[in-house]
Amino acid sequence: MKIVFDLDGTICFKGKPLSKDMVQALESLAGKGHEIIYASARPIRDLLPVLPPHMQQYPMIGGNGAFVASGGEIISTIHFDKPLADKIVKLIRKYEASYLIDSRWNYAYTGNNEHPIRRNVDPEQRAANVPLDELNEIVKVVILHSINEQQLLEELQQLPIVIYVHGNEGIIDISPQGVDKWAGLQALGILPQQFIAFGNDANDVSMFKHAQRSVCVGEHNTLMQIASEHVASDENQVILKIKEL
């Protein structure tokens, strides 16, 4: 069976790498012949550091589906076309927003260095933080703060883009239209009802809808309505559920 795991808040917590106990639980699955796939909001660059080296070769979805990787290499990305990217950048500047904007590998970050998301961005310095105008393409945008977040959100919602608002973190996550985790899984050749999914947030809804079995970690209302099962947001409880498989 193919088993798809979201990362942050599902099998790793507070931005830290997978724990020894979690790695052992996942290795047990792999040892029994199951195929493990990771599906995260993080770009591949920032997904790799939380995994042990031998798991960095596993199939993975990054940027909520905008990046697809296998064998340790990015095999495809989906980016905003230039006219649409220009409109997003115009709104960012209009509302004086701070942001994390990813290209295929490099990124532009203007947020506070103390922002919680900053510690997860390129911790191993695999890429470069460059001025926005130097990014060759824009694959993913995260708005961290602006002078009028509600008005900015309303204007962004007029564009043909995918938006996730993470209320607990106070950020707006933007991807190209048609990008979600299920689309990323399809790019890996995954079929409906042929996998089990673990997740904890709104960006996991698309893959939960197509999973044979789904496990919601924590108390996300929308996700809990479509999940097959639910466990507390506690690493030990998640490990117990993994062992049930």
C-alpha atoms as a PDB file:
ATOM      1  CA  MET A   1       0.000   0.000   0.000  1.00  0.00           C
ATOM      2  CA  LYS A   2       1.108   3.551  -0.706  1.00  0.00           C
ATOM      3  CA  ILE A   3       0.982   5.719   2.423  1.00  0.00           C
ATOM      4  CA  VAL A   4       1.152   9.518   2.079  1.00  0.00           C
ATOM      5  CA  PHE A   5       2.302  11.670   4.985  1.00  0.00           C
ATOM      6  CA  ASP A   6       2.048  15.407   5.433  1.00  0.00           C
ATOM      7  CA  LEU A   7       4.992  16.628   7.510  1.00  0.00           C
ATOM      8  CA  ASP A   8       4.530  19.668   9.774  1.00  0.00           C
ATOM      9  CA  GLY A   9       1.986  19.023  12.498  1.00  0.00           C
ATOM     10  CA  THR A  10       1.446  15.458  11.277  1.00  0.00           C
ATOM     11  CA  ILE A  11       4.676  13.493  11.705  1.00  0.00           C
ATOM     12  CA  CYS A  12       7.126  16.266  12.603  1.00  0.00           C
ATOM     13  CA  PHE A  13       6.472  19.037  15.084  1.00  0.00           C
ATOM     14  CA  LYS A  14       7.668  22.604  15.761  1.00  0.00           C
ATOM     15  CA  GLY A  15       9.759  22.569  12.601  1.00  0.00           C
ATOM     16  CA  LYS A  16      12.107  19.919  13.954  1.00  0.00           C
ATOM     17  CA  PRO A  17      13.319  16.879  11.979  1.00  0.00           C
ATOM     18  CA  LEU A  18      11.544  13.561  12.307  1.00  0.00           C
ATOM     19  CA  SER A  19      12.236  12.051  15.705  1.00  0.00           C
ATOM     20  CA  LYS A  20      14.077   8.764  16.105  1.00  0.00           C
ATOM     21  CA  ASP A  21      10.840   7.044  17.154  1.00  0.00           C
ATOM     22  CA  MET A  22       8.951   8.397  14.146  1.00  0.00           C
ATOM     23  CA  VAL A  23      11.725   7.305  11.763  1.00  0.00           C
ATOM     24  CA  GLN A  24      11.598   3.813  13.257  1.00  0.00           C
ATOM     25  CA  ALA A  25       7.823   3.645  12.815  1.00  0.00           C
ATOM     26  CA  LEU A  26       8.105   4.702   9.175  1.00  0.00           C
ATOM     27  CA  GLU A  27      10.991   2.304   8.547  1.00  0.00           C
ATOM     28  CA  SER A  28       8.824  -0.496   9.904  1.00  0.00           C
ATOM     29  CA  LEU A  29       6.175   0.328   7.295  1.00  0.00           C
ATOM     30  CA  ALA A  30       8.747   0.376   4.512  1.00  0.00           C
ATOM     31  CA  GLY A  31      10.196  -2.891   5.760  1.00  0.00           C
ATOM     32  CA  LYS A  32       6.798  -4.519   5.353  1.00  0.00           C
ATOM     33  CA  GLY A  33       6.638  -3.487   1.712  1.00  0.00           C
ATOM     34  CA  HIS A  34       4.593  -0.284   1.969  1.00  0.00           C
ATOM     35  CA  GLU A  35       5.651   2.710  -0.147  1.00  0.00           C
ATOM     36  CA  ILE A  36       6.040   5.971   1.785  1.00  0.00           C
ATOM     37  CA  ILE A  37       5.364   9.300   0.063  1.00  0.00           C
ATOM     38  CA  TYR A  38       5.733  12.742   1.634  1.00  0.00           C
ATOM     39  CA  ALA A  39       3.361  15.595   0.754  1.00  0.00           C
ATOM     40  CA  SER A  40       4.149  18.962   2.300  1.00  0.00           C
ATOM     41  CA  ALA A  41       3.528  22.678   1.945  1.00  0.00           C
ATOM     42  CA  ARG A  42       7.305  23.102   2.104  1.00  0.00           C
ATOM     43  CA  PRO A  43       9.247  23.345  -1.146  1.00  0.00           C
ATOM     44  CA  ILE A  44      11.510  20.347  -1.712  1.00  0.00           C
ATOM     45  CA  ARG A  45      14.513  22.420  -0.581  1.00  0.00           C
ATOM     46  CA  ASP A  46      13.004  22.800   2.898  1.00  0.00           C
ATOM     47  CA  LEU A  47      11.428  19.371   3.030  1.00  0.00           C
ATOM     48  CA  LEU A  48      14.728  17.503   2.764  1.00  0.00           C
ATOM     49  CA  PRO A  49      16.345  18.772   6.018  1.00  0.00           C
ATOM     50  CA  VAL A  50      13.640  17.247   8.265  1.00  0.00           C
ATOM     51  CA  LEU A  51      14.192  13.778   6.768  1.00  0.00           C
ATOM     52  CA  PRO A  52      17.058  11.365   7.440  1.00  0.00           C
ATOM     53  CA  PRO A  53      19.344  10.944   4.384  1.00  0.00           C
ATOM     54  CA  HIS A  54      18.002   7.535   3.347  1.00  0.00           C
ATOM     55  CA  MET A  55      14.433   8.906   3.259  1.00  0.00           C
ATOM     56  CA  GLN A  56      15.363  11.852   1.027  1.00  0.00           C
ATOM     57  CA  GLN A  57      15.130   9.497  -1.946  1.00  0.00           C
ATOM     58  CA  TYR A  58      11.438   8.742  -1.336  1.00  0.00           C
ATOM     59  CA  PRO A  59       8.796  10.182  -3.677  1.00  0.00           C
ATOM     60  CA  MET A  60       7.601  13.554  -2.412  1.00  0.00           C
ATOM     61  CA  ILE A  61       5.256  16.417  -3.138  1.00  0.00           C
ATOM     62  CA  GLY A  62       6.316  19.934  -2.140  1.00  0.00           C
ATOM     63  CA  GLY A  63       4.675  23.344  -2.206  1.00  0.00           C
ATOM     64  CA  ASN A  64       1.216  21.765  -1.815  1.00  0.00           C
ATOM     65  CA  GLY A  65       1.667  20.049  -5.172  1.00  0.00           C
ATOM     66  CA  ALA A  66       3.733  22.613  -7.091  1.00  0.00           C
ATOM     67  CA  PHE A  67       6.887  20.493  -6.763  1.00  0.00           C
ATOM     68  CA  VAL A  68       7.204  16.779  -7.500  1.00  0.00           C
ATOM     69  CA  ALA A  69      10.392  14.894  -6.646  1.00  0.00           C
ATOM     70  CA  SER A  70      11.625  11.322  -6.746  1.00  0.00           C
ATOM     71  CA  GLY A  71      15.011   9.768  -6.147  1.00  0.00           C
ATOM     72  CA  GLY A  72      16.232  12.981  -4.527  1.00  0.00           C
ATOM     73  CA  GLU A  73      15.637  15.056  -7.662  1.00  0.00           C
ATOM     74  CA  ILE A  74      12.900  17.545  -8.576  1.00  0.00           C
ATOM     75  CA  ILE A  75      11.178  16.077 -11.629  1.00  0.00           C
ATOM     76  CA  SER A  76       8.566  18.797 -12.215  1.00  0.00           C
ATOM     77  CA  THR A  77       7.339  22.173 -11.004  1.00  0.00           C
ATOM     78  CA  ILE A  78       4.306  24.325 -11.736  1.00  0.00           C
ATOM     79  CA  HIS A  79       4.833  28.081 -11.647  1.00  0.00           C
ATOM     80  CA  PHE A  80       2.701  31.204 -12.144  1.00  0.00           C
ATOM     81  CA  ASP A  81       2.692  32.591 -15.665  1.00  0.00           C
ATOM     82  CA  LYS A  82       4.400  35.986 -15.814  1.00  0.00           C
ATOM     83  CA  PRO A  83       1.286  38.214 -16.174  1.00  0.00           C
ATOM     84  CA  LEU A  84      -0.285  36.564 -13.128  1.00  0.00           C
ATOM     85  CA  ALA A  85       2.960  36.683 -11.157  1.00  0.00           C
ATOM     86  CA  ASP A  86       3.224  40.397 -11.931  1.00  0.00           C
ATOM     87  CA  LYS A  87      -0.295  40.986 -10.557  1.00  0.00           C
ATOM     88  CA  ILE A  88       0.563  39.173  -7.327  1.00  0.00           C
ATOM     89  CA  VAL A  89       3.789  41.136  -6.920  1.00  0.00           C
ATOM     90  CA  LYS A  90       1.895  44.388  -7.563  1.00  0.00           C
ATOM     91  CA  LEU A  91      -0.530  43.572  -4.736  1.00  0.00           C
ATOM     92  CA  ILE A  92       2.334  42.617  -2.437  1.00  0.00           C
ATOM     93  CA  ARG A  93       3.920  46.011  -3.011  1.00  0.00           C
ATOM     94  CA  LYS A  94       0.610  47.870  -2.757  1.00  0.00           C
ATOM     95  CA  TYR A  95      -0.035  46.436   0.704  1.00  0.00           C
ATOM     96  CA  GLU A  96       3.629  46.527   1.772  1.00  0.00           C
ATOM     97  CA  ALA A  97       3.540  42.812   2.502  1.00  0.00           C
ATOM     98  CA  SER A  98       6.418  40.780   3.852  1.00  0.00           C
ATOM     99  CA  TYR A  99       6.764  37.435   2.145  1.00  0.00           C
ATOM    100  CA  LEU A 100       8.501  34.185   1.361  1.00  0.00           C
ATOM    101  CA  ILE A 101       8.473  33.583  -2.392  1.00  0.00           C
ATOM    102  CA  ASP A 102       9.937  30.394  -3.859  1.00  0.00           C
ATOM    103  CA  SER A 103      11.283  29.672  -7.301  1.00  0.00           C
ATOM    104  CA  ARG A 104      12.372  26.160  -8.317  1.00  0.00           C
ATOM    105  CA  TRP A 105      15.248  26.350  -5.803  1.00  0.00           C
ATOM    106  CA  ASN A 106      16.180  29.892  -4.698  1.00  0.00           C
ATOM    107  CA  TYR A 107      13.828  32.171  -2.785  1.00  0.00           C
ATOM    108  CA  ALA A 108      13.102  35.756  -1.716  1.00  0.00           C
ATOM    109  CA  TYR A 109      12.371  36.378   1.967  1.00  0.00           C
ATOM    110  CA  THR A 110      11.565  39.765   3.506  1.00  0.00           C
ATOM    111  CA  GLY A 111       9.991  38.753   6.817  1.00  0.00           C
ATOM    112  CA  ASN A 112      11.342  39.256  10.300  1.00  0.00           C
ATOM    113  CA  ASN A 113      14.190  36.899  11.140  1.00  0.00           C
ATOM    114  CA  GLU A 114      12.278  35.994  14.309  1.00  0.00           C
ATOM    115  CA  HIS A 115       9.192  34.857  12.388  1.00  0.00           C
ATOM    116  CA  PRO A 116       8.458  31.152  13.114  1.00  0.00           C
ATOM    117  CA  ILE A 117       8.521  30.295   9.418  1.00  0.00           C
ATOM    118  CA  ARG A 118      12.059  31.660   9.016  1.00  0.00           C
ATOM    119  CA  ARG A 119      13.725  28.793  10.860  1.00  0.00           C
ATOM    120  CA  ASN A 120      12.264  26.331   8.360  1.00  0.00           C
ATOM    121  CA  VAL A 121      13.567  28.187   5.300  1.00  0.00           C
ATOM    122  CA  ASP A 122      16.741  26.697   3.852  1.00  0.00           C
ATOM    123  CA  PRO A 123      18.322  25.770   7.217  1.00  0.00           C
ATOM    124  CA  GLU A 124      21.156  23.933   5.463  1.00  0.00           C
ATOM    125  CA  GLN A 125      21.862  26.876   3.111  1.00  0.00           C
ATOM    126  CA  ARG A 126      21.302  24.822  -0.016  1.00  0.00           C
ATOM    127  CA  ALA A 127      19.929  27.860  -1.900  1.00  0.00           C
ATOM    128  CA  ALA A 128      20.195  31.654  -2.025  1.00  0.00           C
ATOM    129  CA  ASN A 129      17.931  34.380  -0.635  1.00  0.00           C
ATOM    130  CA  VAL A 130      17.799  36.777  -3.590  1.00  0.00           C
ATOM    131  CA  PRO A 131      15.836  39.947  -4.413  1.00  0.00           C
ATOM    132  CA  LEU A 132      12.377  39.192  -5.762  1.00  0.00           C
ATOM    133  CA  ASP A 133      13.202  40.630  -9.197  1.00  0.00           C
ATOM    134  CA  GLU A 134      16.034  38.097  -9.555  1.00  0.00           C
ATOM    135  CA  LEU A 135      13.799  35.017  -9.273  1.00  0.00           C
ATOM    136  CA  ASN A 136      13.478  33.357 -12.667  1.00  0.00           C
ATOM    137  CA  GLU A 137      10.006  32.039 -11.909  1.00  0.00           C
ATOM    138  CA  ILE A 138       7.546  32.086  -9.009  1.00  0.00           C
ATOM    139  CA  VAL A 139       6.265  28.708  -7.861  1.00  0.00           C
ATOM    140  CA  LYS A 140       4.839  29.533  -4.438  1.00  0.00           C
ATOM    141  CA  VAL A 141       4.052  32.656  -2.404  1.00  0.00           C
ATOM    142  CA  VAL A 142       3.554  32.970   1.348  1.00  0.00           C
ATOM    143  CA  ILE A 143       2.348  36.348   2.660  1.00  0.00           C
ATOM    144  CA  LEU A 144       3.552  36.784   6.224  1.00  0.00           C
ATOM    145  CA  HIS A 145       2.191  40.237   7.079  1.00  0.00           C
ATOM    146  CA  SER A 146       0.753  43.320   5.371  1.00  0.00           C
ATOM    147  CA  ILE A 147      -0.722  46.699   6.257  1.00  0.00           C
ATOM    148  CA  ASN A 148      -4.263  45.470   5.466  1.00  0.00           C
ATOM    149  CA  GLU A 149      -4.407  41.688   5.399  1.00  0.00           C
ATOM    150  CA  GLN A 150      -8.170  41.429   4.847  1.00  0.00           C
ATOM    151  CA  GLN A 151      -8.183  43.807   1.882  1.00  0.00           C
ATOM    152  CA  LEU A 152      -5.144  42.088   0.395  1.00  0.00           C
ATOM    153  CA  LEU A 153      -6.852  38.710   0.756  1.00  0.00           C
ATOM    154  CA  GLU A 154     -10.006  39.986  -0.941  1.00  0.00           C
ATOM    155  CA  GLU A 155      -8.019  41.274  -3.916  1.00  0.00           C
ATOM    156  CA  LEU A 156      -6.010  38.069  -4.167  1.00  0.00           C
ATOM    157  CA  GLN A 157      -9.257  36.098  -4.232  1.00  0.00           C
ATOM    158  CA  GLN A 158     -10.153  37.851  -7.488  1.00  0.00           C
ATOM    159  CA  LEU A 159      -7.184  36.169  -9.193  1.00  0.00           C
ATOM    160  CA  PRO A 160      -7.128  32.634 -10.679  1.00  0.00           C
ATOM    161  CA  ILE A 161      -4.949  31.184  -7.910  1.00  0.00           C
ATOM    162  CA  VAL A 162      -5.205  28.666  -5.055  1.00  0.00           C
ATOM    163  CA  ILE A 163      -5.230  30.247  -1.571  1.00  0.00           C
ATOM    164  CA  TYR A 164      -4.887  28.605   1.841  1.00  0.00           C
ATOM    165  CA  VAL A 165      -5.242  30.833   4.895  1.00  0.00           C
ATOM    166  CA  HIS A 166      -3.464  29.390   7.916  1.00  0.00           C
ATOM    167  CA  GLY A 167      -5.270  31.081  10.772  1.00  0.00           C
ATOM    168  CA  ASN A 168      -3.034  29.828  13.552  1.00  0.00           C
ATOM    169  CA  GLU A 169       0.067  31.169  11.819  1.00  0.00           C
ATOM    170  CA  GLY A 170      -1.577  34.262  10.327  1.00  0.00           C
ATOM    171  CA  ILE A 171      -0.204  33.612   6.848  1.00  0.00           C
ATOM    172  CA  ILE A 172      -1.662  33.452   3.326  1.00  0.00           C
ATOM    173  CA  ASP A 173      -0.343  30.586   1.192  1.00  0.00           C
ATOM    174  CA  ILE A 174      -0.675  31.044  -2.595  1.00  0.00           C
ATOM    175  CA  SER A 175      -0.141  28.502  -5.384  1.00  0.00           C
ATOM    176  CA  PRO A 176      -0.938  28.384  -9.114  1.00  0.00           C
ATOM    177  CA  GLN A 177      -4.441  27.299 -10.104  1.00  0.00           C
ATOM    178  CA  GLY A 178      -4.839  23.542 -10.348  1.00  0.00           C
ATOM    179  CA  VAL A 179      -2.096  22.923  -7.800  1.00  0.00           C
ATOM    180  CA  ASP A 180      -2.921  20.823  -4.751  1.00  0.00           C
ATOM    181  CA  LYS A 181      -1.519  17.727  -3.103  1.00  0.00           C
ATOM    182  CA  TRP A 182      -3.803  15.381  -5.020  1.00  0.00           C
ATOM    183  CA  ALA A 183      -2.600  16.839  -8.328  1.00  0.00           C
ATOM    184  CA  GLY A 184       0.957  16.246  -7.154  1.00  0.00           C
ATOM    185  CA  LEU A 185       0.186  12.652  -6.244  1.00  0.00           C
ATOM    186  CA  GLN A 186      -1.355  12.089  -9.665  1.00  0.00           C
ATOM    187  CA  ALA A 187       1.889  13.353 -11.225  1.00  0.00           C
ATOM    188  CA  LEU A 188       3.585  10.478  -9.376  1.00  0.00           C
ATOM    189  CA  GLY A 189       1.122   8.042 -10.911  1.00  0.00           C
ATOM    190  CA  ILE A 190      -0.987   7.553  -7.769  1.00  0.00           C
ATOM    191  CA  LEU A 191      -4.551   6.381  -8.432  1.00  0.00           C
ATOM    192  CA  PRO A 192      -7.726   7.186  -6.417  1.00  0.00           C
ATOM    193  CA  GLN A 193      -8.491   4.845  -3.525  1.00  0.00           C
ATOM    194  CA  GLN A 194      -5.041   3.274  -3.816  1.00  0.00           C
ATOM    195  CA  PHE A 195      -3.383   5.046  -0.885  1.00  0.00           C
ATOM    196  CA  ILE A 196      -3.711   5.977   2.776  1.00  0.00           C
ATOM    197  CA  ALA A 197      -3.251   9.636   3.772  1.00  0.00           C
ATOM    198  CA  PHE A 198      -2.164  11.324   7.018  1.00  0.00           C
ATOM    199  CA  GLY A 199      -2.603  15.101   7.380  1.00  0.00           C
ATOM    200  CA  ASN A 200      -3.596  17.951   9.670  1.00  0.00           C
ATOM    201  CA  ASP A 201      -4.630  21.042   7.687  1.00  0.00           C
ATOM    202  CA  ALA A 202      -6.773  22.471   4.884  1.00  0.00           C
ATOM    203  CA  ASN A 203      -4.116  21.744   2.268  1.00  0.00           C
ATOM    204  CA  ASP A 204      -4.623  18.018   2.937  1.00  0.00           C
ATOM    205  CA  VAL A 205      -8.313  18.038   1.943  1.00  0.00           C
ATOM    206  CA  SER A 206      -7.688  17.251  -1.733  1.00  0.00           C
ATOM    207  CA  MET A 207      -5.747  14.067  -1.019  1.00  0.00           C
ATOM    208  CA  PHE A 208      -8.120  12.977   1.762  1.00  0.00           C
ATOM    209  CA  LYS A 209     -10.996  13.096  -0.726  1.00  0.00           C
ATOM    210  CA  HIS A 210      -9.265  10.519  -2.939  1.00  0.00           C
ATOM    211  CA  ALA A 211      -7.709   8.284  -0.264  1.00  0.00           C
ATOM    212  CA  GLN A 212      -8.890   4.799   0.561  1.00  0.00           C
ATOM    213  CA  ARG A 213      -8.333   5.648   4.225  1.00  0.00           C
ATOM    214  CA  SER A 214      -7.400   8.964   5.837  1.00  0.00           C
ATOM    215  CA  VAL A 215      -6.181   9.979   9.282  1.00  0.00           C
ATOM    216  CA  CYS A 216      -6.643  13.536  10.577  1.00  0.00           C
ATOM    217  CA  VAL A 217      -4.030  14.561  13.125  1.00  0.00           C
ATOM    218  CA  GLY A 218      -5.378  17.235  15.481  1.00  0.00           C
ATOM    219  CA  GLU A 219      -8.623  19.200  15.432  1.00  0.00           C
ATOM    220  CA  HIS A 220      -9.004  20.710  11.969  1.00  0.00           C
ATOM    221  CA  ASN A 221     -12.783  20.961  11.486  1.00  0.00           C
ATOM    222  CA  THR A 222     -12.937  20.629   7.689  1.00  0.00           C
ATOM    223  CA  LEU A 223     -10.463  17.772   7.569  1.00  0.00           C
ATOM    224  CA  MET A 224     -12.191  15.883  10.371  1.00  0.00           C
ATOM    225  CA  GLN A 225     -15.458  15.915   8.405  1.00  0.00           C
ATOM    226  CA  ILE A 226     -13.963  13.866   5.560  1.00  0.00           C
ATOM    227  CA  ALA A 227     -11.322  11.831   7.421  1.00  0.00           C
ATOM    228  CA  SER A 228     -11.818   8.122   8.062  1.00  0.00           C
ATOM    229  CA  GLU A 229     -10.114   8.412  11.437  1.00  0.00           C
ATOM    230  CA  HIS A 230      -8.821  10.978  13.881  1.00  0.00           C
ATOM    231  CA  VAL A 231      -5.930  11.051  16.360  1.00  0.00           C
ATOM    232  CA  ALA A 232      -4.724  13.724  18.769  1.00  0.00           C
ATOM    233  CA  SER A 233      -1.918  16.055  17.733  1.00  0.00           C
ATOM    234  CA  ASP A 234       0.575  14.050  19.733  1.00  0.00           C
ATOM    235  CA  GLU A 235       3.569  12.230  18.300  1.00  0.00           C
ATOM    236  CA  ASN A 236       3.052   9.110  20.396  1.00  0.00           C
ATOM    237  CA  GLN A 237      -0.575   8.832  19.270  1.00  0.00           C
ATOM    238  CA  VAL A 238       0.439   9.241  15.626  1.00  0.00           C
ATOM    239  CA  ILE A 239       3.104   6.548  16.007  1.00  0.00           C
ATOM    240  CA  LEU A 240       0.540   4.181  17.518  1.00  0.00           C
ATOM    241  CA  LYS A 241      -1.767   4.782  14.551  1.00  0.00           C
ATOM    242  CA  ILE A 242       1.100   4.133  12.122  1.00  0.00           C
ATOM    243  CA  LYS A 243       1.871   0.861  13.907  1.00  0.00           C
ATOM    244  CA  GLU A 244      -1.761  -0.195  13.437  1.00  0.00           C
ATOM    245  CA  LEU A 245      -1.129  -0.226   9.705  1.00  0.00           C
END
